[in-house]
């Protein structure tokens, strides 16, 4: 019986010490640690239409985390252009991997905090002077003033169909 109160006092002392150690970090403003990266993982679609320039449309939904704000629900859409592409050999049905050049997709969306339901706006340009579409499309993330704030990749034509296959996987990170 004597050990139980002493043990409780010891556990309480450890808990108070831990709380006092963590409190200074938790009580500061987020600006003291800015910029912090956010990483996103999403599924969606990628469509393109060839012409004088290739028109791109992306749409996705997923989740993000990383800026000490918790987990975010993510919804985004984007449109943009690149130089014309040809990614399929219609005579054999196989895939020709032709690099996409001058990709620029303007992406807008919403990050909604899962705990508080407070939204944050997402406004980015996904740009790449040269990509390896359709295997993977790496891109840089630029903010609206033209500064690079991150990088990512989307995978499309997962089964190498010789069609405009809309299935896509997106993964990217950026600084807030």
Protein backbone atom coordinates (compact mmCIF):
# COMPACT_ATOMS: atom_id res chain seq x y z
CA UNK A 1 0.00 0.00 0.00
CA UNK A 2 2.80 2.44 0.69
CA UNK A 3 4.25 2.00 -2.82
CA UNK A 4 1.04 3.02 -4.57
CA UNK A 5 0.94 6.66 -3.36
CA UNK A 6 4.69 7.05 -3.97
CA UNK A 7 4.34 5.58 -7.44
CA UNK A 8 1.43 7.96 -8.18
CA UNK A 9 3.53 10.90 -7.04
CA UNK A 10 6.38 9.73 -9.31
CA UNK A 11 4.08 9.37 -12.32
CA UNK A 12 2.54 12.78 -11.60
CA UNK A 13 6.00 14.35 -11.35
CA UNK A 14 7.03 12.87 -14.69
CA UNK A 15 3.80 14.10 -16.31
CA UNK A 16 4.24 17.64 -14.94
CA UNK A 17 7.90 17.71 -16.02
CA UNK A 18 6.94 16.55 -19.51
CA UNK A 19 4.16 19.14 -19.75
CA UNK A 20 6.50 21.93 -18.66
CA UNK A 21 9.09 20.81 -21.18
CA UNK A 22 6.64 20.67 -24.11
CA UNK A 23 4.58 23.77 -23.22
CA UNK A 24 7.08 26.37 -24.50
CA UNK A 25 7.08 24.71 -27.92
CA UNK A 26 3.31 24.32 -28.06
CA UNK A 27 2.50 27.83 -26.89
CA UNK A 28 4.55 29.70 -29.52
CA UNK A 29 3.03 31.03 -32.71
CA UNK A 30 3.27 29.07 -35.90
CA UNK A 31 5.08 32.01 -37.49
CA UNK A 32 8.08 31.32 -35.29
CA UNK A 33 8.57 28.05 -37.14
CA UNK A 34 7.52 29.19 -40.63
CA UNK A 35 7.85 28.13 -43.29
CA UNK A 36 6.93 24.55 -42.58
CA UNK A 37 6.42 21.93 -45.28
CA UNK A 38 3.11 20.33 -46.11
CA UNK A 39 3.08 17.00 -47.94
CA UNK A 40 0.07 15.83 -49.91
CA UNK A 41 -1.04 12.51 -51.31
CA UNK A 42 -4.07 12.34 -53.60
CA UNK A 43 -5.87 10.36 -56.25
CA UNK A 44 -7.70 11.85 -59.17
CA UNK A 45 -7.67 12.37 -62.90
CA UNK A 46 -5.40 13.88 -65.53
CA UNK A 47 -6.81 14.66 -68.96
CA UNK A 48 -5.08 16.27 -71.92
CA UNK A 49 -6.13 17.47 -75.35
CA UNK A 50 -3.56 17.91 -78.10
CA UNK A 51 -3.67 20.91 -80.37
CA UNK A 52 -1.37 23.82 -81.13
CA UNK A 53 -0.66 23.51 -77.41
CA UNK A 54 -1.68 20.60 -75.24
CA UNK A 55 -4.41 21.54 -72.77
CA UNK A 56 -4.26 19.84 -69.36
CA UNK A 57 -6.90 19.34 -66.70
CA UNK A 58 -6.20 17.82 -63.26
CA UNK A 59 -8.64 17.04 -60.49
CA UNK A 60 -8.00 15.29 -57.20
CA UNK A 61 -8.89 14.54 -53.63
CA UNK A 62 -6.68 13.34 -50.80
CA UNK A 63 -5.00 14.43 -47.59
CA UNK A 64 -2.09 16.59 -46.47
CA UNK A 65 -0.11 17.06 -43.28
CA UNK A 66 3.11 18.48 -41.91
CA UNK A 67 2.79 22.11 -40.78
CA UNK A 68 1.85 21.36 -37.16
CA UNK A 69 -1.76 22.10 -38.13
CA UNK A 70 -2.78 18.45 -38.16
CA UNK A 71 -4.24 16.53 -41.05
CA UNK A 72 -6.02 18.34 -43.87
CA UNK A 73 -8.67 17.14 -46.29
CA UNK A 74 -7.59 18.17 -49.78
CA UNK A 75 -9.68 19.01 -52.84
CA UNK A 76 -8.04 20.56 -55.91
CA UNK A 77 -8.50 21.25 -59.59
CA UNK A 78 -6.22 22.73 -62.20
CA UNK A 79 -5.89 23.66 -65.85
CA UNK A 80 -2.90 24.49 -67.96
CA UNK A 81 -0.87 23.93 -71.10
CA UNK A 82 2.31 22.39 -72.44
CA UNK A 83 3.92 22.09 -75.84
CA UNK A 84 2.08 19.54 -78.01
CA UNK A 85 2.61 15.88 -77.08
CA UNK A 86 2.18 12.56 -78.78
CA UNK A 87 2.24 9.68 -76.36
CA UNK A 88 0.81 6.71 -78.27
CA UNK A 89 1.87 4.73 -81.31
CA UNK A 90 -1.50 4.08 -82.94
CA UNK A 91 -0.10 1.57 -85.45
CA UNK A 92 1.14 -0.89 -82.81
CA UNK A 93 -1.00 0.15 -79.86
CA UNK A 94 2.10 0.62 -77.75
CA UNK A 95 3.26 3.64 -75.83
CA UNK A 96 5.83 6.09 -77.07
CA UNK A 97 7.39 7.98 -74.22
CA UNK A 98 7.72 11.47 -75.62
CA UNK A 99 8.85 14.10 -73.13
CA UNK A 100 6.38 16.82 -72.33
CA UNK A 101 7.93 20.27 -72.45
CA UNK A 102 6.91 23.57 -70.90
CA UNK A 103 4.23 22.16 -68.63
CA UNK A 104 2.37 24.83 -66.63
CA UNK A 105 -0.76 23.89 -64.68
CA UNK A 106 -2.49 26.41 -62.41
CA UNK A 107 -3.86 24.48 -59.41
CA UNK A 108 -6.39 25.86 -56.95
CA UNK A 109 -8.00 24.07 -54.07
CA UNK A 110 -8.80 23.87 -50.41
CA UNK A 111 -7.00 22.33 -47.45
CA UNK A 112 -9.58 21.81 -44.70
CA UNK A 113 -8.25 21.10 -41.22
CA UNK A 114 -9.71 17.74 -40.15
CA UNK A 115 -9.99 18.76 -36.48
CA UNK A 116 -11.26 22.35 -36.77
CA UNK A 117 -12.80 22.33 -40.28
CA UNK A 118 -11.05 25.66 -40.93
CA UNK A 119 -10.12 25.90 -44.65
CA UNK A 120 -6.87 27.17 -46.19
CA UNK A 121 -6.66 28.20 -49.83
CA UNK A 122 -4.32 26.38 -52.18
CA UNK A 123 -3.05 28.42 -55.16
CA UNK A 124 -0.05 26.99 -57.04
CA UNK A 125 1.54 26.53 -60.44
CA UNK A 126 2.90 23.10 -61.25
CA UNK A 127 5.66 23.69 -63.78
CA UNK A 128 8.25 21.60 -65.60
CA UNK A 129 10.47 22.52 -68.52
CA UNK A 130 10.81 18.80 -69.36
CA UNK A 131 8.98 15.74 -67.97
CA UNK A 132 8.86 12.02 -68.58
CA UNK A 133 5.12 11.72 -69.24
CA UNK A 134 3.34 9.24 -69.36
CA UNK A 135 5.51 7.15 -66.99
CA UNK A 136 5.76 9.89 -64.37
CA UNK A 137 5.45 13.63 -64.52
CA UNK A 138 7.73 15.39 -62.06
CA UNK A 139 7.04 19.08 -61.49
CA UNK A 140 8.10 22.05 -59.41
CA UNK A 141 5.56 23.87 -57.27
CA UNK A 142 5.65 27.64 -57.75
CA UNK A 143 3.64 30.12 -55.72
CA UNK A 144 1.62 32.83 -57.42
CA UNK A 145 4.57 35.24 -57.36
CA UNK A 146 6.78 32.81 -59.27
CA UNK A 147 8.99 31.49 -56.46
CA UNK A 148 9.61 27.75 -56.21
CA UNK A 149 8.18 26.40 -52.95
CA UNK A 150 8.15 22.65 -53.53
CA UNK A 151 8.13 19.68 -55.87
CA UNK A 152 6.01 16.70 -56.75
CA UNK A 153 5.06 14.06 -59.25
CA UNK A 154 1.91 12.64 -60.78
CA UNK A 155 1.56 9.21 -62.32
CA UNK A 156 -0.87 8.74 -65.16
CA UNK A 157 -1.50 6.06 -67.79
CA UNK A 158 -0.77 3.56 -65.06
CA UNK A 159 -1.51 0.57 -67.31
CA UNK A 160 0.13 2.17 -70.38
CA UNK A 161 -3.14 2.24 -72.29
CA UNK A 162 -2.86 3.97 -75.63
CA UNK A 163 -5.72 6.28 -74.70
CA UNK A 164 -6.24 9.40 -72.63
CA UNK A 165 -6.34 7.37 -69.39
CA UNK A 166 -7.65 9.62 -66.63
CA UNK A 167 -6.52 7.56 -63.60
CA UNK A 168 -3.82 9.43 -61.67
CA UNK A 169 -1.87 9.47 -58.42
CA UNK A 170 -0.43 12.74 -57.08
CA UNK A 171 2.27 13.29 -54.45
CA UNK A 172 3.88 16.65 -53.67
CA UNK A 173 5.24 18.83 -50.93
CA UNK A 174 5.49 22.57 -50.51
CA UNK A 175 6.38 25.24 -47.98
CA UNK A 176 3.59 27.28 -46.42
